[in-house]
């Protein structure tokens, strides 16, 4: 396919690469250079350079040159009210010189996306706790998952904590209420979980140790210690064995999402790690809706 342009007086003495961007959109410089070298872009039927100045009535030809500009939505920062800031400050379990630990509420994201939405990083960036610094995210916790979450206070602690999570030196314990009676009381789940990244299929190995704390004919309370940290790992693994978590609207074996069942019954209960020979252990109290469903399902947490 051939496309051609004739330079008018408005573009006289303009660089060729700048002219192409004016006509076609925000083309990457590397793409322009590549097509000039291969002869897919010619000036007056000759190969040329991107820096050449074009003149009135010059003819520019493009051979099989395709480009569609991507429209990238900018992340919009969430602007928290003083009430929202205070509500989240009240959830703090520990506040030291290096990081903050809080009992994250369900329904709030860790970081903002392309749409304006409530998230912890934007909230704590306005908190007096982070005066003179800024909050750093060091690990993931799904929007609808509650429980222990860490936010670093400066770059050095962020790098250290991120490394501990990546090297699996942070020991995590989750609690979940799931559908049905899990047959084996203890064991491990080993899976090859599938996810997609920009249409590309990715298979990742996942490992979790589990222990059923209580169960009956229709529900189970399970404690899980993920060894790997795959996206939605615990939710996928429970779904794979036919015992999806109550309130999980993505990985579910039941369509019952009425009342309290709309809440995802997955809670980050405990984190343990060591920094400079000092042991840190943090536990997060269960949300009221979680405790309410335990009562409804007649499940108990052992003392």
Protein backbone atom coordinates (compact mmCIF):
# COMPACT_ATOMS: atom_id res chain seq x y z
CA UNK A 1 0.00 0.00 0.00
CA UNK A 2 1.36 3.41 -1.05
CA UNK A 3 0.57 6.68 0.70
CA UNK A 4 1.97 9.98 -0.45
CA UNK A 5 2.03 13.59 0.77
CA UNK A 6 3.04 16.81 -0.97
CA UNK A 7 4.58 19.45 1.32
CA UNK A 8 2.71 22.74 1.42
CA UNK A 9 3.94 26.12 2.67
CA UNK A 10 2.86 25.42 6.29
CA UNK A 11 5.54 22.72 6.58
CA UNK A 12 8.35 24.29 4.54
CA UNK A 13 11.76 23.79 6.22
CA UNK A 14 10.42 21.34 8.85
CA UNK A 15 12.31 18.18 9.84
CA UNK A 16 10.99 15.07 8.11
CA UNK A 17 10.35 13.14 11.35
CA UNK A 18 8.41 16.06 12.81
CA UNK A 19 6.32 16.29 9.63
CA UNK A 20 5.46 12.59 9.85
CA UNK A 21 4.28 13.02 13.43
CA UNK A 22 2.13 15.97 12.40
CA UNK A 23 0.50 13.87 9.71
CA UNK A 24 0.32 10.41 11.30
CA UNK A 25 0.40 10.81 15.07
CA UNK A 26 2.98 10.30 17.82
CA UNK A 27 5.17 7.77 15.99
CA UNK A 28 8.14 6.36 17.97
CA UNK A 29 11.44 7.67 16.62
CA UNK A 30 12.76 4.12 16.41
CA UNK A 31 9.92 3.18 14.03
CA UNK A 32 10.64 6.18 11.79
CA UNK A 33 14.36 5.34 11.65
CA UNK A 34 13.67 1.67 10.90
CA UNK A 35 11.38 2.48 7.98
CA UNK A 36 13.75 5.10 6.58
CA UNK A 37 16.59 2.56 6.57
CA UNK A 38 14.46 -0.07 4.85
CA UNK A 39 13.26 2.40 2.19
CA UNK A 40 9.61 2.31 3.25
CA UNK A 41 9.73 6.08 3.69
CA UNK A 42 11.18 8.06 0.76
CA UNK A 43 11.61 11.74 -0.01
CA UNK A 44 11.33 12.60 -3.70
CA UNK A 45 11.73 8.86 -4.49
CA UNK A 46 15.06 8.65 -2.59
CA UNK A 47 16.11 7.22 0.76
CA UNK A 48 16.90 9.94 3.26
CA UNK A 49 17.41 10.73 6.97
CA UNK A 50 14.90 11.75 9.62
CA UNK A 51 16.70 15.03 10.27
CA UNK A 52 16.50 16.32 6.70
CA UNK A 53 14.55 19.59 6.23
CA UNK A 54 11.70 19.22 3.79
CA UNK A 55 10.85 21.92 1.24
CA UNK A 56 7.76 23.27 -0.45
CA UNK A 57 6.32 20.77 -3.01
CA UNK A 58 8.59 17.92 -1.83
CA UNK A 59 6.90 14.53 -2.21
CA UNK A 60 6.97 12.04 0.66
CA UNK A 61 6.00 8.44 -0.04
CA UNK A 62 5.23 5.69 2.47
CA UNK A 63 5.30 2.06 1.34
CA UNK A 64 3.41 -0.47 3.53
CA UNK A 65 3.87 1.75 6.55
CA UNK A 66 1.23 1.16 9.19
CA UNK A 67 0.90 3.03 12.45
CA UNK A 68 -1.99 3.39 14.86
CA UNK A 69 -1.43 5.76 17.73
CA UNK A 70 -2.23 4.30 21.14
CA UNK A 71 -4.28 6.51 23.39
CA UNK A 72 -2.83 6.10 26.87
CA UNK A 73 -5.08 7.09 29.72
CA UNK A 74 -3.23 8.83 32.50
CA UNK A 75 -3.69 7.61 36.03
CA UNK A 76 -5.88 10.03 37.92
CA UNK A 77 -4.91 10.59 41.54
CA UNK A 78 -7.59 10.00 44.12
CA UNK A 79 -8.13 13.03 46.34
CA UNK A 80 -9.09 11.74 49.79
CA UNK A 81 -11.15 13.73 52.24
CA UNK A 82 -9.89 14.22 55.80
CA UNK A 83 -12.51 11.70 56.94
CA UNK A 84 -11.19 9.01 54.57
CA UNK A 85 -7.60 9.71 55.67
CA UNK A 86 -8.58 9.40 59.35
CA UNK A 87 -10.57 6.20 58.71
CA UNK A 88 -7.50 4.53 57.22
CA UNK A 89 -5.10 5.90 59.82
CA UNK A 90 -7.33 4.25 62.44
CA UNK A 91 -6.62 0.87 60.81
CA UNK A 92 -2.87 1.08 61.53
CA UNK A 93 -1.44 -1.82 63.54
CA UNK A 94 2.14 -0.52 63.70
CA UNK A 95 3.85 2.74 62.73
CA UNK A 96 7.66 2.89 62.87
CA UNK A 97 10.46 4.82 61.15
CA UNK A 98 10.57 2.45 58.17
CA UNK A 99 7.04 1.29 57.45
CA UNK A 100 3.38 1.30 58.40
CA UNK A 101 1.33 -1.87 58.92
CA UNK A 102 -2.45 -1.70 58.72
CA UNK A 103 -5.48 -3.94 58.70
CA UNK A 104 -6.63 -3.10 55.17
CA UNK A 105 -10.36 -2.86 54.56
CA UNK A 106 -11.96 -4.85 51.77
CA UNK A 107 -13.06 -2.85 48.73
CA UNK A 108 -10.05 -0.53 48.54
CA UNK A 109 -7.23 -0.85 46.01
CA UNK A 110 -3.56 -0.60 46.91
CA UNK A 111 -2.75 1.70 43.97
CA UNK A 112 -4.79 3.84 41.59
CA UNK A 113 -5.52 2.84 38.00
CA UNK A 114 -6.55 4.68 34.86
CA UNK A 115 -9.83 5.76 36.49
CA UNK A 116 -10.10 7.87 39.60
CA UNK A 117 -10.70 5.47 42.47
CA UNK A 118 -9.98 5.16 46.16
CA UNK A 119 -6.57 3.63 46.89
CA UNK A 120 -4.19 3.40 49.83
CA UNK A 121 -1.17 5.05 48.22
CA UNK A 122 -3.06 8.23 47.34
CA UNK A 123 -4.74 8.28 50.76
CA UNK A 124 -1.54 7.92 52.78
CA UNK A 125 0.34 10.36 50.55
CA UNK A 126 -1.92 13.01 52.17
CA UNK A 127 -1.51 11.66 55.70
CA UNK A 128 0.65 13.47 58.26
CA UNK A 129 2.27 10.12 58.97
CA UNK A 130 4.12 10.51 55.67
CA UNK A 131 5.15 14.15 56.11
CA UNK A 132 8.57 14.68 54.48
CA UNK A 133 8.38 11.38 52.61
CA UNK A 134 5.88 9.34 50.59
CA UNK A 135 4.23 5.90 50.76
CA UNK A 136 5.73 3.00 48.80
CA UNK A 137 3.83 -0.16 47.88
CA UNK A 138 5.96 -3.27 48.53
CA UNK A 139 3.51 -6.14 47.93
CA UNK A 140 0.07 -6.93 46.55
CA UNK A 141 -3.27 -7.51 48.20
CA UNK A 142 -6.41 -7.79 46.08
CA UNK A 143 -8.91 -4.96 46.30
CA UNK A 144 -11.55 -7.18 47.91
CA UNK A 145 -9.15 -8.95 50.31
CA UNK A 146 -8.85 -7.58 53.85
CA UNK A 147 -6.03 -7.88 56.36
CA UNK A 148 -2.36 -7.23 57.07
CA UNK A 149 -0.74 -4.85 54.60
CA UNK A 150 2.61 -3.03 54.69
CA UNK A 151 3.45 0.39 53.23
CA UNK A 152 7.09 1.52 53.25
CA UNK A 153 8.01 5.05 54.31
CA UNK A 154 11.13 5.58 52.19
CA UNK A 155 12.96 4.11 49.21
CA UNK A 156 15.51 2.11 51.25
CA UNK A 157 12.89 0.27 53.32
CA UNK A 158 10.78 -0.22 50.18
CA UNK A 159 13.68 -1.92 48.41
CA UNK A 160 14.41 -4.12 51.43
CA UNK A 161 10.80 -5.19 51.98
CA UNK A 162 10.22 -5.78 48.26
CA UNK A 163 13.28 -8.05 48.23
CA UNK A 164 12.00 -9.99 51.26
CA UNK A 165 8.68 -10.62 49.52
CA UNK A 166 10.38 -11.56 46.25
CA UNK A 167 12.78 -13.98 48.00
CA UNK A 168 9.84 -15.55 49.90
CA UNK A 169 11.22 -14.50 53.27
CA UNK A 170 7.90 -12.99 54.32
CA UNK A 171 5.69 -15.77 55.69
CA UNK A 172 2.03 -15.12 54.94
CA UNK A 173 -1.06 -16.72 56.48
CA UNK A 174 -4.55 -16.27 55.06
CA UNK A 175 -7.97 -17.37 56.28
CA UNK A 176 -10.88 -18.12 53.96
CA UNK A 177 -14.43 -19.41 54.24
CA UNK A 178 -15.23 -21.55 51.24
CA UNK A 179 -18.10 -23.54 49.80
CA UNK A 180 -18.40 -27.21 50.65
CA UNK A 181 -16.50 -29.62 52.85
CA UNK A 182 -12.79 -29.93 51.99
CA UNK A 183 -12.03 -33.64 52.28
CA UNK A 184 -8.37 -33.65 53.41
CA UNK A 185 -7.65 -31.65 56.56
CA UNK A 186 -4.04 -30.76 55.67
CA UNK A 187 -1.82 -30.85 52.64
CA UNK A 188 -0.41 -28.75 49.84
CA UNK A 189 -1.72 -27.54 46.54
CA UNK A 190 0.66 -27.65 43.58
CA UNK A 191 -0.74 -26.11 40.41
CA UNK A 192 0.19 -24.65 37.06
CA UNK A 193 -1.95 -21.53 37.03
CA UNK A 194 -2.80 -19.75 33.79
CA UNK A 195 -3.03 -16.00 33.32
CA UNK A 196 -2.97 -13.71 30.28
CA UNK A 197 -0.79 -10.65 29.78
CA UNK A 198 -1.77 -8.54 26.74
CA UNK A 199 -3.26 -11.64 25.14
CA UNK A 200 -0.20 -13.78 25.85
CA UNK A 201 -0.83 -17.01 27.78
CA UNK A 202 1.43 -17.40 30.81
CA UNK A 203 1.67 -20.58 32.90
CA UNK A 204 3.08 -20.25 36.43
CA UNK A 205 3.76 -22.87 39.10
CA UNK A 206 1.97 -22.21 42.39
CA UNK A 207 2.38 -23.82 45.80
CA UNK A 208 0.31 -23.38 48.96
CA UNK A 209 0.28 -25.24 52.29
CA UNK A 210 -3.18 -25.51 53.82
CA UNK A 211 -4.96 -26.66 56.98
CA UNK A 212 -8.72 -26.97 57.46
CA UNK A 213 -9.54 -25.37 60.82
CA UNK A 214 -13.22 -26.33 60.87
CA UNK A 215 -15.76 -27.72 58.43
CA UNK A 216 -19.24 -29.14 57.98
CA UNK A 217 -21.30 -30.48 55.11
CA UNK A 218 -21.66 -27.12 53.34
CA UNK A 219 -18.69 -24.92 54.34
CA UNK A 220 -15.03 -24.97 55.37
CA UNK A 221 -12.75 -22.56 57.20
CA UNK A 222 -9.26 -22.98 55.81
CA UNK A 223 -5.86 -21.55 56.77
CA UNK A 224 -3.47 -21.10 53.84
CA UNK A 225 0.24 -20.34 53.66
CA UNK A 226 1.21 -19.48 50.07
CA UNK A 227 4.82 -20.36 49.23
CA UNK A 228 4.65 -18.67 45.83
CA UNK A 229 2.95 -15.34 45.16
CA UNK A 230 0.95 -15.68 41.96
CA UNK A 231 -1.88 -13.36 41.06
CA UNK A 232 -5.16 -14.59 42.62
CA UNK A 233 -3.29 -17.75 43.66
CA UNK A 234 -5.46 -18.80 46.62
CA UNK A 235 -8.71 -17.93 44.91
CA UNK A 236 -7.76 -19.95 41.83
CA UNK A 237 -6.51 -22.93 43.81
CA UNK A 238 -9.69 -23.23 45.88
CA UNK A 239 -11.80 -22.88 42.75
CA UNK A 240 -9.74 -25.60 41.05
CA UNK A 241 -10.62 -28.11 43.80
CA UNK A 242 -14.29 -27.17 43.68
CA UNK A 243 -14.38 -25.11 46.89
CA UNK A 244 -14.50 -21.48 45.80
CA UNK A 245 -14.37 -18.72 48.41
CA UNK A 246 -17.66 -17.19 49.51
CA UNK A 247 -18.16 -13.86 47.74
CA UNK A 248 -15.66 -14.57 44.96
CA UNK A 249 -17.47 -13.37 41.85
CA UNK A 250 -14.61 -14.23 39.48
CA UNK A 251 -13.57 -17.72 40.56
CA UNK A 252 -16.77 -19.28 41.83
CA UNK A 253 -18.69 -22.55 41.81
CA UNK A 254 -21.87 -20.91 43.10
CA UNK A 255 -23.99 -18.02 41.87
CA UNK A 256 -25.16 -17.07 45.35
CA UNK A 257 -24.09 -13.46 45.97
CA UNK A 258 -26.91 -12.23 48.13
CA UNK A 259 -26.47 -10.16 51.29
CA UNK A 260 -23.30 -10.91 53.19
CA UNK A 261 -22.13 -13.36 50.51
CA UNK A 262 -21.22 -10.40 48.31
CA UNK A 263 -18.11 -9.88 50.48
CA UNK A 264 -14.99 -11.86 49.55
CA UNK A 265 -14.28 -14.07 52.56
CA UNK A 266 -10.50 -13.96 52.21
CA UNK A 267 -8.41 -12.33 54.93
CA UNK A 268 -4.67 -11.74 55.22
CA UNK A 269 -4.40 -12.88 58.82
CA UNK A 270 -0.68 -12.78 59.58
CA UNK A 271 2.72 -11.69 58.22
CA UNK A 272 6.08 -12.76 59.71
CA UNK A 273 9.60 -11.69 58.68
CA UNK A 274 13.05 -10.87 60.06
CA UNK A 275 15.08 -7.68 59.52
CA UNK A 276 18.57 -7.44 61.05
CA UNK A 277 17.89 -10.34 63.43
CA UNK A 278 14.69 -8.68 64.68
CA UNK A 279 11.53 -10.74 64.31
CA UNK A 280 8.33 -9.03 63.23
CA UNK A 281 4.89 -10.68 63.52
CA UNK A 282 1.67 -8.88 62.65
CA UNK A 283 -1.89 -10.17 62.94
CA UNK A 284 -5.06 -8.48 61.69
CA UNK A 285 -8.41 -8.89 63.42
CA UNK A 286 -11.15 -10.46 61.31
CA UNK A 287 -13.74 -8.08 59.79
CA UNK A 288 -17.20 -8.20 61.32
CA UNK A 289 -18.78 -9.58 58.12
CA UNK A 290 -16.27 -12.47 58.20
CA UNK A 291 -17.10 -13.30 61.84
CA UNK A 292 -20.82 -13.04 61.05
CA UNK A 293 -20.57 -15.61 58.25
CA UNK A 294 -18.60 -17.94 60.54
CA UNK A 295 -21.57 -17.86 62.93
CA UNK A 296 -24.08 -18.39 60.13
CA UNK A 297 -22.10 -21.34 58.75
CA UNK A 298 -21.45 -22.70 62.25
CA UNK A 299 -17.68 -22.61 61.89
CA UNK A 300 -15.19 -21.92 64.66
CA UNK A 301 -11.57 -20.75 64.78
CA UNK A 302 -9.58 -22.99 67.19
CA UNK A 303 -8.06 -21.16 70.17
